[in-house]
Amino acid sequence: MARGAGVVDPKRVCIIGASYGGYAAMRGAQRDGSRYRCAVSYAGVSDLNVMLKYDRSMMGKGMVEYWKARAADLDAVSPRYHAASFGAPILIAHGVEDKRVPVKQSRMLVSELQKAVRIS
């Protein structure tokens, strides 16, 4: 259902996800912040290039090619590099011992969000 259909109230809806869904929540808060009251990312990916370097050892070159075919500039679609454009507040949670998505992914975004808040 589309937001314009009156089903979703952007003043009351929160986007939530984990792992890739956490990336989607981050990206939603950054790219479409006016559509959400808030966002929650659990173990989200904030920097696709860094994640693909980490993943290469686990998933091989095919995953890198998959992502590069979908976005020529991975920094352009990585929330970490667009902290100043977040339009919705975001709660970030991450397990320190997460084996799939390193906690560094969340820490990098938190650092960039803190810088963006100090600048504005």
N, C-alpha and C. Protein backbone atom coordinates (compact mmCIF):
# COMPACT_ATOMS: atom_id res chain seq x y z
N MET A 1 0.84 -1.19 0.00
CA MET A 1 0.00 0.00 0.00
C MET A 1 0.87 1.24 0.00
N ALA A 2 0.50 2.18 -0.77
CA ALA A 2 1.26 3.42 -0.86
C ALA A 2 0.89 4.38 0.25
N ARG A 3 1.87 5.16 0.67
CA ARG A 3 1.64 6.15 1.71
C ARG A 3 0.54 7.11 1.28
N GLY A 4 0.52 7.51 0.03
CA GLY A 4 -0.47 8.44 -0.48
C GLY A 4 -1.89 7.90 -0.45
N ALA A 5 -2.05 6.59 -0.28
CA ALA A 5 -3.38 5.98 -0.24
C ALA A 5 -4.03 6.18 1.13
N GLY A 6 -3.32 6.81 2.06
CA GLY A 6 -3.89 7.08 3.36
C GLY A 6 -3.79 5.92 4.34
N VAL A 7 -3.07 4.87 3.99
CA VAL A 7 -2.95 3.70 4.84
C VAL A 7 -1.83 3.90 5.87
N VAL A 8 -0.76 4.57 5.47
CA VAL A 8 0.40 4.76 6.33
C VAL A 8 0.49 6.23 6.73
N ASP A 9 0.59 6.45 8.02
CA ASP A 9 0.74 7.81 8.55
C ASP A 9 2.22 8.04 8.85
N PRO A 10 2.91 8.88 8.07
CA PRO A 10 4.35 9.09 8.29
C PRO A 10 4.69 9.68 9.66
N LYS A 11 3.70 10.18 10.36
CA LYS A 11 3.94 10.70 11.70
C LYS A 11 3.93 9.60 12.75
N ARG A 12 3.55 8.38 12.32
CA ARG A 12 3.43 7.27 13.26
C ARG A 12 4.16 6.01 12.85
N VAL A 13 4.74 5.96 11.68
CA VAL A 13 5.37 4.74 11.19
C VAL A 13 6.89 4.77 11.40
N CYS A 14 7.42 3.62 11.74
CA CYS A 14 8.86 3.48 11.95
C CYS A 14 9.37 2.36 11.04
N ILE A 15 10.48 2.58 10.38
CA ILE A 15 11.10 1.55 9.54
C ILE A 15 12.13 0.81 10.39
N ILE A 16 12.03 -0.52 10.40
CA ILE A 16 12.86 -1.35 11.27
C ILE A 16 13.43 -2.51 10.46
N GLY A 17 14.71 -2.82 10.70
CA GLY A 17 15.29 -3.97 10.02
C GLY A 17 16.59 -4.41 10.65
N ALA A 18 17.01 -5.62 10.28
CA ALA A 18 18.27 -6.19 10.77
C ALA A 18 19.09 -6.67 9.59
N SER A 19 20.40 -6.56 9.71
CA SER A 19 21.35 -6.96 8.68
C SER A 19 21.07 -6.14 7.41
N TYR A 20 20.69 -6.76 6.30
CA TYR A 20 20.35 -5.96 5.12
C TYR A 20 19.14 -5.08 5.42
N GLY A 21 18.20 -5.59 6.20
CA GLY A 21 17.05 -4.78 6.61
C GLY A 21 17.48 -3.58 7.44
N GLY A 22 18.56 -3.74 8.21
CA GLY A 22 19.12 -2.62 8.96
C GLY A 22 19.68 -1.57 8.01
N TYR A 23 20.31 -2.04 6.94
CA TYR A 23 20.77 -1.12 5.88
C TYR A 23 19.56 -0.38 5.31
N ALA A 24 18.49 -1.10 5.02
CA ALA A 24 17.30 -0.48 4.45
C ALA A 24 16.71 0.56 5.40
N ALA A 25 16.72 0.27 6.69
CA ALA A 25 16.22 1.23 7.68
C ALA A 25 17.11 2.47 7.71
N MET A 26 18.43 2.26 7.70
CA MET A 26 19.36 3.40 7.66
C MET A 26 19.12 4.24 6.41
N ARG A 27 19.04 3.56 5.29
CA ARG A 27 18.87 4.26 4.01
C ARG A 27 17.52 4.98 3.95
N GLY A 28 16.49 4.35 4.51
CA GLY A 28 15.19 5.00 4.55
C GLY A 28 15.21 6.28 5.37
N ALA A 29 15.85 6.23 6.54
CA ALA A 29 15.94 7.42 7.40
C ALA A 29 16.78 8.50 6.74
N GLN A 30 17.78 8.08 5.97
CA GLN A 30 18.67 9.03 5.30
C GLN A 30 18.05 9.59 4.02
N ARG A 31 17.48 8.74 3.22
CA ARG A 31 17.01 9.14 1.90
C ARG A 31 15.56 9.63 1.89
N ASP A 32 14.74 9.02 2.72
CA ASP A 32 13.30 9.33 2.72
C ASP A 32 12.81 9.64 4.14
N GLY A 33 13.58 10.40 4.89
CA GLY A 33 13.29 10.66 6.30
C GLY A 33 11.92 11.24 6.57
N SER A 34 11.36 11.99 5.64
CA SER A 34 10.03 12.57 5.87
C SER A 34 8.92 11.53 5.84
N ARG A 35 9.22 10.34 5.37
CA ARG A 35 8.21 9.28 5.31
C ARG A 35 8.10 8.49 6.61
N TYR A 36 9.03 8.71 7.54
CA TYR A 36 9.09 7.91 8.76
C TYR A 36 9.19 8.78 10.00
N ARG A 37 8.54 8.34 11.05
CA ARG A 37 8.67 8.99 12.36
C ARG A 37 10.04 8.67 12.95
N CYS A 38 10.51 7.44 12.68
CA CYS A 38 11.79 7.00 13.21
C CYS A 38 12.28 5.79 12.42
N ALA A 39 13.50 5.36 12.75
CA ALA A 39 14.08 4.17 12.14
C ALA A 39 14.82 3.39 13.21
N VAL A 40 14.88 2.06 13.04
CA VAL A 40 15.64 1.20 13.93
C VAL A 40 16.45 0.26 13.06
N SER A 41 17.76 0.27 13.30
CA SER A 41 18.66 -0.62 12.57
C SER A 41 19.34 -1.54 13.55
N TYR A 42 19.19 -2.83 13.35
CA TYR A 42 19.92 -3.81 14.16
C TYR A 42 20.92 -4.49 13.23
N ALA A 43 22.20 -4.35 13.55
CA ALA A 43 23.27 -4.96 12.78
C ALA A 43 23.20 -4.57 11.30
N GLY A 44 22.93 -3.30 11.06
CA GLY A 44 22.83 -2.81 9.69
C GLY A 44 24.17 -2.55 9.04
N VAL A 45 24.17 -2.53 7.72
CA VAL A 45 25.36 -2.25 6.92
C VAL A 45 25.32 -0.77 6.55
N SER A 46 26.32 -0.01 6.99
CA SER A 46 26.34 1.42 6.68
C SER A 46 27.31 1.78 5.56
N ASP A 47 28.26 0.92 5.27
CA ASP A 47 29.26 1.18 4.23
C ASP A 47 29.40 -0.09 3.38
N LEU A 48 28.82 -0.06 2.19
CA LEU A 48 28.81 -1.25 1.34
C LEU A 48 30.20 -1.65 0.87
N ASN A 49 31.07 -0.71 0.58
CA ASN A 49 32.43 -1.08 0.15
C ASN A 49 33.18 -1.82 1.25
N VAL A 50 33.10 -1.31 2.47
CA VAL A 50 33.78 -1.96 3.59
C VAL A 50 33.19 -3.35 3.82
N MET A 51 31.87 -3.44 3.73
CA MET A 51 31.21 -4.73 3.94
C MET A 51 31.59 -5.74 2.86
N LEU A 52 31.68 -5.29 1.63
CA LEU A 52 32.05 -6.20 0.55
C LEU A 52 33.49 -6.69 0.68
N LYS A 53 34.37 -5.84 1.18
CA LYS A 53 35.75 -6.29 1.43
C LYS A 53 35.76 -7.37 2.50
N TYR A 54 34.95 -7.19 3.52
CA TYR A 54 34.84 -8.19 4.59
C TYR A 54 34.20 -9.47 4.06
N ASP A 55 33.13 -9.30 3.28
CA ASP A 55 32.37 -10.43 2.73
C ASP A 55 33.14 -11.23 1.70
N ARG A 56 34.06 -10.60 1.01
CA ARG A 56 34.79 -11.28 -0.07
C ARG A 56 35.39 -12.59 0.42
N SER A 57 35.89 -12.59 1.64
CA SER A 57 36.50 -13.81 2.17
C SER A 57 35.44 -14.87 2.46
N MET A 58 34.19 -14.44 2.71
CA MET A 58 33.13 -15.39 3.03
C MET A 58 32.29 -15.78 1.82
N MET A 59 32.07 -14.85 0.90
CA MET A 59 31.14 -15.10 -0.19
C MET A 59 31.76 -15.08 -1.57
N GLY A 60 33.00 -14.68 -1.68
CA GLY A 60 33.68 -14.70 -2.97
C GLY A 60 33.42 -13.47 -3.81
N LYS A 61 34.04 -13.44 -4.95
CA LYS A 61 34.00 -12.29 -5.85
C LYS A 61 32.60 -12.06 -6.43
N GLY A 62 31.81 -13.09 -6.52
CA GLY A 62 30.47 -12.96 -7.10
C GLY A 62 29.60 -11.94 -6.40
N MET A 63 29.70 -11.83 -5.08
CA MET A 63 28.90 -10.87 -4.34
C MET A 63 29.32 -9.43 -4.67
N VAL A 64 30.61 -9.22 -4.83
CA VAL A 64 31.11 -7.89 -5.21
C VAL A 64 30.54 -7.50 -6.57
N GLU A 65 30.59 -8.42 -7.50
CA GLU A 65 30.06 -8.15 -8.84
C GLU A 65 28.56 -7.90 -8.81
N TYR A 66 27.84 -8.63 -7.98
CA TYR A 66 26.40 -8.45 -7.83
C TYR A 66 26.08 -7.01 -7.42
N TRP A 67 26.75 -6.52 -6.38
CA TRP A 67 26.49 -5.17 -5.88
C TRP A 67 26.94 -4.11 -6.87
N LYS A 68 28.09 -4.29 -7.46
CA LYS A 68 28.59 -3.27 -8.39
C LYS A 68 27.71 -3.17 -9.63
N ALA A 69 27.04 -4.25 -10.02
CA ALA A 69 26.12 -4.21 -11.15
C ALA A 69 24.86 -3.42 -10.80
N ARG A 70 24.54 -3.32 -9.53
CA ARG A 70 23.34 -2.62 -9.10
C ARG A 70 23.59 -1.17 -8.74
N ALA A 71 24.81 -0.84 -8.35
CA ALA A 71 25.15 0.53 -7.98
C ALA A 71 26.61 0.77 -8.35
N ALA A 72 26.83 1.55 -9.39
CA ALA A 72 28.20 1.81 -9.85
C ALA A 72 29.04 2.49 -8.77
N ASP A 73 28.41 3.33 -7.95
CA ASP A 73 29.10 4.04 -6.89
C ASP A 73 28.51 3.61 -5.55
N LEU A 74 29.15 2.66 -4.90
CA LEU A 74 28.61 2.13 -3.64
C LEU A 74 28.63 3.16 -2.52
N ASP A 75 29.55 4.11 -2.55
CA ASP A 75 29.54 5.16 -1.53
C ASP A 75 28.28 6.01 -1.65
N ALA A 76 27.77 6.18 -2.85
CA ALA A 76 26.57 6.99 -3.07
C ALA A 76 25.34 6.37 -2.42
N VAL A 77 25.35 5.06 -2.20
CA VAL A 77 24.20 4.39 -1.59
C VAL A 77 24.54 3.82 -0.21
N SER A 78 25.64 4.30 0.37
CA SER A 78 26.05 3.88 1.71
C SER A 78 25.68 4.98 2.71
N PRO A 79 24.78 4.70 3.65
CA PRO A 79 24.33 5.73 4.59
C PRO A 79 25.45 6.44 5.34
N ARG A 80 26.54 5.77 5.58
CA ARG A 80 27.67 6.36 6.30
C ARG A 80 28.10 7.69 5.69
N TYR A 81 28.07 7.80 4.39
CA TYR A 81 28.56 8.99 3.71
C TYR A 81 27.52 10.10 3.55
N HIS A 82 26.36 9.90 4.15
CA HIS A 82 25.27 10.87 4.00
C HIS A 82 24.61 11.19 5.34
N ALA A 83 25.40 11.17 6.39
CA ALA A 83 24.86 11.36 7.74
C ALA A 83 24.12 12.69 7.88
N ALA A 84 24.60 13.72 7.24
CA ALA A 84 23.96 15.04 7.36
C ALA A 84 22.57 15.08 6.73
N SER A 85 22.25 14.11 5.90
CA SER A 85 20.94 14.14 5.23
C SER A 85 19.89 13.24 5.89
N PHE A 86 20.20 12.67 7.07
CA PHE A 86 19.20 11.88 7.78
C PHE A 86 18.04 12.79 8.18
N GLY A 87 16.83 12.37 7.82
CA GLY A 87 15.65 13.18 8.12
C GLY A 87 14.77 12.58 9.19
N ALA A 88 15.12 11.41 9.69
CA ALA A 88 14.35 10.76 10.76
C ALA A 88 15.33 10.29 11.82
N PRO A 89 14.94 10.35 13.08
CA PRO A 89 15.82 9.82 14.13
C PRO A 89 15.98 8.31 13.97
N ILE A 90 17.16 7.83 14.36
CA ILE A 90 17.44 6.40 14.19
C ILE A 90 18.03 5.82 15.47
N LEU A 91 17.53 4.66 15.85
CA LEU A 91 18.08 3.87 16.94
C LEU A 91 18.96 2.81 16.30
N ILE A 92 20.21 2.73 16.74
CA ILE A 92 21.15 1.76 16.17
C ILE A 92 21.55 0.78 17.26
N ALA A 93 21.35 -0.51 16.99
CA ALA A 93 21.74 -1.57 17.92
C ALA A 93 22.58 -2.58 17.14
N HIS A 94 23.55 -3.16 17.83
CA HIS A 94 24.43 -4.11 17.14
C HIS A 94 25.12 -4.98 18.17
N GLY A 95 25.18 -6.27 17.95
CA GLY A 95 25.92 -7.17 18.83
C GLY A 95 27.41 -7.06 18.58
N VAL A 96 28.17 -6.90 19.63
CA VAL A 96 29.61 -6.74 19.52
C VAL A 96 30.26 -7.96 18.88
N GLU A 97 29.72 -9.13 19.11
CA GLU A 97 30.31 -10.36 18.58
C GLU A 97 29.60 -10.88 17.32
N ASP A 98 28.83 -10.03 16.66
CA ASP A 98 28.13 -10.43 15.43
C ASP A 98 29.14 -10.94 14.42
N LYS A 99 28.93 -12.13 13.92
CA LYS A 99 29.85 -12.75 12.96
C LYS A 99 29.52 -12.40 11.51
N ARG A 100 28.28 -12.03 11.25
CA ARG A 100 27.84 -11.77 9.88
C ARG A 100 28.11 -10.32 9.46
N VAL A 101 27.70 -9.37 10.29
CA VAL A 101 27.94 -7.95 10.01
C VAL A 101 28.76 -7.40 11.18
N PRO A 102 30.00 -7.02 10.93
CA PRO A 102 30.85 -6.52 12.02
C PRO A 102 30.26 -5.27 12.68
N VAL A 103 30.41 -5.17 13.99
CA VAL A 103 29.90 -4.03 14.74
C VAL A 103 30.49 -2.71 14.21
N LYS A 104 31.62 -2.79 13.57
CA LYS A 104 32.24 -1.61 12.96
C LYS A 104 31.27 -0.89 12.01
N GLN A 105 30.39 -1.65 11.35
CA GLN A 105 29.43 -1.05 10.43
C GLN A 105 28.52 -0.04 11.15
N SER A 106 28.04 -0.39 12.31
CA SER A 106 27.19 0.53 13.07
C SER A 106 28.02 1.66 13.68
N ARG A 107 29.19 1.33 14.18
CA ARG A 107 30.04 2.35 14.82
C ARG A 107 30.46 3.44 13.83
N MET A 108 30.72 3.05 12.58
CA MET A 108 31.09 4.05 11.57
C MET A 108 29.96 5.04 11.35
N LEU A 109 28.73 4.53 11.27
CA LEU A 109 27.59 5.43 11.05
C LEU A 109 27.37 6.31 12.27
N VAL A 110 27.44 5.74 13.46
CA VAL A 110 27.26 6.54 14.68
C VAL A 110 28.27 7.69 14.70
N SER A 111 29.51 7.40 14.38
CA SER A 111 30.55 8.43 14.35
C SER A 111 30.19 9.56 13.36
N GLU A 112 29.74 9.17 12.19
CA GLU A 112 29.39 10.17 11.18
C GLU A 112 28.14 10.98 11.60
N LEU A 113 27.18 10.32 12.22
CA LEU A 113 26.00 11.04 12.70
C LEU A 113 26.38 12.03 13.80
N GLN A 114 27.28 11.65 14.69
CA GLN A 114 27.74 12.57 15.73
C GLN A 114 28.43 13.78 15.13
N LYS A 115 29.25 13.58 14.12
CA LYS A 115 29.91 14.71 13.44
C LYS A 115 28.87 15.61 12.80
N ALA A 116 27.87 15.03 12.15
CA ALA A 116 26.84 15.81 11.46
C ALA A 116 26.05 16.66 12.44
N VAL A 117 25.78 16.14 13.61
CA VAL A 117 25.03 16.89 14.63
C VAL A 117 25.87 18.06 15.14
N ARG A 118 27.17 17.86 15.33
CA ARG A 118 28.05 18.94 15.80
C ARG A 118 28.18 20.05 14.78
N ILE A 119 28.15 19.70 13.50
CA ILE A 119 28.30 20.69 12.44
C ILE A 119 27.05 21.54 12.30
N SER A 120 25.89 20.91 12.44
CA SER A 120 24.64 21.65 12.19
C SER A 120 24.20 22.52 13.33
